[in-house]
Amino acid sequence: MKRAAWKPAAERRNDLLRTHRAWIAEYGEEPSVRELAGAVGISPSTASLHLTRMREDGIDIGTRGVRSRRCPHCGH
């Protein structure tokens, strides 16, 4: 996967949002974090960070994936 050139965070988040919407329009379901990151050209960890920050700002972007096997209450 070829990495995208550096962009400001706001621009990268706009790319993620546009790609997310286009993915749903094309495939009829939400992308996984890996699929979204690959489509934008960033690493999954960077995409996850941006998605977390977007959710903190009130922009809820859902992704599909495997649920954690950890307890949601204690983390174990």
Protein backbone atom coordinates (compact mmCIF):
# COMPACT_ATOMS: atom_id res chain seq x y z
CA MET A 1 0.00 0.00 0.00
CA LYS A 2 1.38 3.38 -0.96
CA ARG A 3 1.22 5.98 1.78
CA ALA A 4 -0.38 9.33 1.17
CA ALA A 5 1.58 12.56 1.55
CA TRP A 6 1.32 14.49 4.79
CA LYS A 7 -1.86 16.53 5.21
CA PRO A 8 -3.27 18.60 8.06
CA ALA A 9 -5.52 16.66 10.44
CA ALA A 10 -8.69 18.48 9.34
CA GLU A 11 -8.04 17.62 5.70
CA ARG A 12 -7.27 13.99 6.54
CA ARG A 13 -10.50 13.75 8.54
CA ASN A 14 -12.46 15.16 5.62
CA ASP A 15 -10.87 12.49 3.41
CA LEU A 16 -11.96 9.81 5.89
CA LEU A 17 -15.52 11.15 6.01
CA ARG A 18 -15.84 11.36 2.21
CA THR A 19 -14.35 7.89 1.76
CA HIS A 20 -16.66 6.47 4.43
CA ARG A 21 -19.74 7.87 2.68
CA ALA A 22 -18.57 6.67 -0.73
CA TRP A 23 -17.87 3.18 0.66
CA ILE A 24 -21.39 2.90 2.07
CA ALA A 25 -22.88 4.11 -1.21
CA GLU A 26 -20.88 1.55 -3.18
CA TYR A 27 -20.98 -1.49 -0.90
CA GLY A 28 -24.06 -0.88 1.25
CA GLU A 29 -22.18 -1.39 4.52
CA GLU A 30 -19.65 0.40 6.67
CA PRO A 31 -15.96 -0.25 6.00
CA SER A 32 -13.61 -1.72 8.55
CA VAL A 33 -10.87 0.53 9.91
CA ARG A 34 -8.33 -1.33 7.75
CA GLU A 35 -10.41 -0.90 4.60
CA LEU A 36 -10.98 2.78 5.33
CA ALA A 37 -7.28 3.36 6.06
CA GLY A 38 -6.25 1.55 2.88
CA ALA A 39 -8.65 3.59 0.76
CA VAL A 40 -7.30 6.86 2.17
CA GLY A 41 -3.65 5.73 2.14
CA ILE A 42 -2.85 5.87 5.85
CA SER A 43 -2.06 3.23 8.46
CA PRO A 44 -4.93 1.62 10.41
CA SER A 45 -3.57 3.05 13.67
CA THR A 46 -3.58 6.58 12.24
CA ALA A 47 -7.10 6.09 10.89
CA SER A 48 -8.22 4.81 14.30
CA LEU A 49 -6.75 7.87 16.00
CA HIS A 50 -8.55 10.22 13.59
CA LEU A 51 -11.82 8.30 13.99
CA THR A 52 -11.55 8.54 17.78
CA ARG A 53 -10.94 12.28 17.62
CA MET A 54 -13.83 12.72 15.18
CA ARG A 55 -16.15 10.82 17.54
CA GLU A 56 -14.99 13.04 20.42
CA ASP A 57 -15.96 16.04 18.27
CA GLY A 58 -19.44 14.59 17.69
CA ILE A 59 -18.90 13.14 14.21
CA ASP A 60 -19.98 9.52 14.56
CA ILE A 61 -18.41 7.35 11.91
CA GLY A 62 -19.19 3.70 12.38
CA THR A 63 -16.89 0.95 11.27
CA ARG A 64 -17.46 -2.74 11.03
CA GLY A 65 -15.16 -5.19 12.66
CA VAL A 66 -14.59 -7.77 15.31
CA ARG A 67 -15.77 -6.87 18.76
CA SER A 68 -13.25 -6.92 21.53
CA ARG A 69 -13.36 -9.94 23.80
CA ARG A 70 -12.51 -7.74 26.75
CA CYS A 71 -15.08 -6.91 29.39
CA PRO A 72 -16.51 -3.44 28.66
CA HIS A 73 -16.65 -2.73 32.40
CA CYS A 74 -13.24 -3.75 33.71
CA GLY A 75 -11.17 -4.19 30.54
CA HIS A 76 -10.13 -7.80 31.26
